[in-house]
C-alpha cells in the first residue's frame, strides 16, 4: 500500500490523532470520504455548456453608438 510499512502507518495515525483529537477522527474520515466522492463525481460530469450568444458584445456596442 503506497510502499508504507506498519511503522510508518502507525506514525501517520498517531500524528492524525494528535492533530485532530480522537473525538473528531470520525468526522475527519467522513469529510475526506465526501470530498473524494464529490471529486470523482465532478470528473464524470460533462463540461458545462456555454449558452452565451456569439457576437452578443458586438451587437450591444453597435446599439450604444446609434
N, C-alpha and C. Protein backbone atom coordinates (compact mmCIF):
# COMPACT_ATOMS: atom_id res chain seq x y z
N UNK A 1 0.84 -1.18 0.00
CA UNK A 1 0.00 0.00 0.00
C UNK A 1 0.88 1.24 0.00
N UNK A 2 1.15 1.79 -1.12
CA UNK A 2 1.93 3.00 -1.32
C UNK A 2 3.35 2.88 -0.78
N UNK A 3 3.81 1.68 -0.57
CA UNK A 3 5.17 1.48 -0.09
C UNK A 3 5.35 1.85 1.37
N UNK A 4 4.26 1.95 2.14
CA UNK A 4 4.37 2.28 3.55
C UNK A 4 4.31 1.00 4.37
N UNK A 5 5.17 0.89 5.34
CA UNK A 5 5.15 -0.26 6.23
C UNK A 5 4.27 0.01 7.44
N UNK A 6 4.21 -0.96 8.33
CA UNK A 6 3.37 -0.84 9.52
C UNK A 6 3.83 0.30 10.41
N UNK A 7 5.12 0.46 10.56
CA UNK A 7 5.66 1.53 11.40
C UNK A 7 5.28 2.92 10.89
N UNK A 8 5.41 3.12 9.58
CA UNK A 8 5.07 4.41 9.00
C UNK A 8 3.58 4.71 9.15
N UNK A 9 2.75 3.68 8.96
CA UNK A 9 1.30 3.87 9.11
C UNK A 9 0.94 4.24 10.55
N UNK A 10 1.62 3.64 11.52
CA UNK A 10 1.34 3.97 12.92
C UNK A 10 1.76 5.40 13.24
N UNK A 11 2.88 5.87 12.68
CA UNK A 11 3.31 7.25 12.89
C UNK A 11 2.30 8.22 12.29
N UNK A 12 1.81 7.93 11.09
CA UNK A 12 0.81 8.78 10.44
C UNK A 12 -0.46 8.80 11.27
N UNK A 13 -0.93 7.64 11.72
CA UNK A 13 -2.15 7.56 12.52
C UNK A 13 -1.99 8.33 13.83
N UNK A 14 -0.87 8.18 14.48
CA UNK A 14 -0.61 8.90 15.74
C UNK A 14 -0.59 10.41 15.50
N UNK A 15 0.01 10.85 14.43
CA UNK A 15 0.05 12.27 14.10
C UNK A 15 -1.35 12.81 13.86
N UNK A 16 -2.18 12.06 13.14
CA UNK A 16 -3.55 12.49 12.88
C UNK A 16 -4.34 12.58 14.18
N UNK A 17 -4.19 11.61 15.06
CA UNK A 17 -4.90 11.63 16.34
C UNK A 17 -4.45 12.81 17.19
N UNK A 18 -3.17 13.13 17.18
CA UNK A 18 -2.66 14.25 17.97
C UNK A 18 -3.19 15.57 17.39
N UNK A 19 -3.20 15.71 16.08
CA UNK A 19 -3.62 16.96 15.45
C UNK A 19 -5.13 17.18 15.60
N UNK A 20 -5.93 16.16 15.29
CA UNK A 20 -7.38 16.32 15.27
C UNK A 20 -8.07 15.87 16.55
N UNK A 21 -7.44 15.04 17.32
CA UNK A 21 -8.07 14.51 18.52
C UNK A 21 -8.89 13.27 18.19
N UNK A 22 -9.04 12.39 19.17
CA UNK A 22 -9.73 11.13 18.93
C UNK A 22 -11.21 11.34 18.66
N UNK A 23 -11.82 12.37 19.25
CA UNK A 23 -13.25 12.62 19.06
C UNK A 23 -13.60 13.07 17.66
N UNK A 24 -12.73 13.82 17.01
CA UNK A 24 -13.02 14.34 15.68
C UNK A 24 -12.54 13.42 14.58
N UNK A 25 -11.91 12.31 14.91
CA UNK A 25 -11.33 11.43 13.90
C UNK A 25 -12.40 10.90 12.95
N UNK A 26 -13.57 10.55 13.48
CA UNK A 26 -14.67 10.07 12.63
C UNK A 26 -15.17 11.15 11.68
N UNK A 27 -15.26 12.38 12.18
CA UNK A 27 -15.71 13.49 11.33
C UNK A 27 -14.72 13.75 10.20
N UNK A 28 -13.44 13.67 10.52
CA UNK A 28 -12.41 13.90 9.50
C UNK A 28 -12.49 12.81 8.43
N UNK A 29 -12.69 11.57 8.84
CA UNK A 29 -12.83 10.47 7.87
C UNK A 29 -14.04 10.64 6.99
N UNK A 30 -15.16 11.05 7.59
CA UNK A 30 -16.38 11.27 6.80
C UNK A 30 -16.22 12.41 5.82
N UNK A 31 -15.59 13.50 6.26
CA UNK A 31 -15.35 14.63 5.37
C UNK A 31 -14.42 14.25 4.23
N UNK A 32 -13.42 13.46 4.52
CA UNK A 32 -12.49 13.01 3.48
C UNK A 32 -13.21 12.13 2.47
N UNK A 33 -14.07 11.24 2.95
CA UNK A 33 -14.84 10.38 2.05
C UNK A 33 -15.77 11.17 1.15
N UNK A 34 -16.45 12.18 1.71
CA UNK A 34 -17.34 13.03 0.91
C UNK A 34 -16.55 13.81 -0.13
N UNK A 35 -15.37 14.29 0.25
CA UNK A 35 -14.54 15.05 -0.69
C UNK A 35 -14.10 14.17 -1.86
N UNK A 36 -13.71 12.95 -1.57
CA UNK A 36 -13.28 12.04 -2.64
C UNK A 36 -14.46 11.69 -3.54
N UNK A 37 -15.64 11.45 -2.94
CA UNK A 37 -16.85 11.13 -3.72
C UNK A 37 -17.22 12.30 -4.64
N UNK A 38 -17.19 13.52 -4.12
CA UNK A 38 -17.52 14.69 -4.94
C UNK A 38 -16.50 14.91 -6.05
N UNK A 39 -15.23 14.63 -5.77
CA UNK A 39 -14.20 14.77 -6.78
C UNK A 39 -14.42 13.79 -7.92
N UNK A 40 -14.71 12.54 -7.59
CA UNK A 40 -14.97 11.53 -8.62
C UNK A 40 -16.21 11.88 -9.42
N UNK A 41 -17.24 12.39 -8.75
CA UNK A 41 -18.47 12.78 -9.43
C UNK A 41 -18.20 13.91 -10.42
N UNK A 42 -17.38 14.88 -10.00
CA UNK A 42 -17.05 16.01 -10.87
C UNK A 42 -16.24 15.57 -12.07
N UNK A 43 -15.42 14.54 -11.93
CA UNK A 43 -14.64 14.05 -13.07
C UNK A 43 -15.53 13.41 -14.12
N UNK A 44 -16.64 12.81 -13.70
CA UNK A 44 -17.52 12.10 -14.63
C UNK A 44 -18.59 12.99 -15.25
N UNK A 45 -18.79 14.20 -14.75
CA UNK A 45 -19.80 15.10 -15.30
C UNK A 45 -19.28 15.72 -16.60
N UNK A 46 -20.20 15.95 -17.55
CA UNK A 46 -19.77 16.60 -18.80
C UNK A 46 -19.44 18.07 -18.55
N UNK A 47 -18.73 18.65 -19.48
CA UNK A 47 -18.36 20.06 -19.38
C UNK A 47 -19.62 20.91 -19.37
N UNK A 48 -19.55 22.06 -18.72
CA UNK A 48 -20.68 22.99 -18.70
C UNK A 48 -20.87 23.56 -20.11
N UNK A 49 -22.11 23.75 -20.49
CA UNK A 49 -22.42 24.26 -21.82
C UNK A 49 -22.47 25.79 -21.75
N UNK A 50 -21.75 26.43 -22.66
CA UNK A 50 -21.75 27.89 -22.72
C UNK A 50 -22.95 28.33 -23.55
N UNK A 51 -23.87 29.06 -22.95
CA UNK A 51 -25.09 29.49 -23.64
C UNK A 51 -25.03 30.95 -24.04
N UNK A 52 -23.86 31.57 -23.96
CA UNK A 52 -23.71 32.95 -24.36
C UNK A 52 -23.82 33.05 -25.87
N UNK A 53 -24.71 33.93 -26.38
CA UNK A 53 -24.82 34.05 -27.84
C UNK A 53 -23.54 34.61 -28.45
N UNK A 54 -23.19 34.09 -29.60
CA UNK A 54 -21.97 34.55 -30.26
C UNK A 54 -22.22 35.94 -30.85
N UNK A 55 -21.27 36.81 -30.67
CA UNK A 55 -21.36 38.16 -31.22
C UNK A 55 -22.26 39.06 -30.41
N UNK A 56 -22.65 38.67 -29.25
CA UNK A 56 -23.55 39.48 -28.42
C UNK A 56 -22.92 40.79 -28.01
N UNK A 57 -21.66 40.80 -27.74
CA UNK A 57 -20.99 42.02 -27.33
C UNK A 57 -20.89 43.02 -28.48
N UNK A 58 -20.65 42.54 -29.70
CA UNK A 58 -20.53 43.42 -30.84
C UNK A 58 -21.85 44.10 -31.14
N UNK A 59 -22.97 43.38 -31.07
CA UNK A 59 -24.29 43.96 -31.33
C UNK A 59 -24.64 44.96 -30.25
N UNK A 60 -24.26 44.68 -29.02
CA UNK A 60 -24.55 45.57 -27.91
C UNK A 60 -23.81 46.90 -28.08
N UNK A 61 -22.56 46.86 -28.52
CA UNK A 61 -21.79 48.08 -28.72
C UNK A 61 -22.33 48.89 -29.88
N UNK A 62 -22.80 48.26 -30.96
CA UNK A 62 -23.37 48.98 -32.09
C UNK A 62 -24.63 49.70 -31.67
N UNK A 63 -25.43 49.08 -30.82
CA UNK A 63 -26.66 49.70 -30.35
C UNK A 63 -26.38 50.93 -29.51
N UNK A 64 -25.32 50.92 -28.77
CA UNK A 64 -24.97 52.06 -27.92
C UNK A 64 -24.47 53.24 -28.75
N UNK A 65 -23.84 53.01 -29.92
CA UNK A 65 -23.29 54.08 -30.73
C UNK A 65 -24.38 54.87 -31.43
N UNK A 66 -25.48 54.26 -31.75
CA UNK A 66 -26.54 54.94 -32.51
C UNK A 66 -27.30 55.92 -31.72
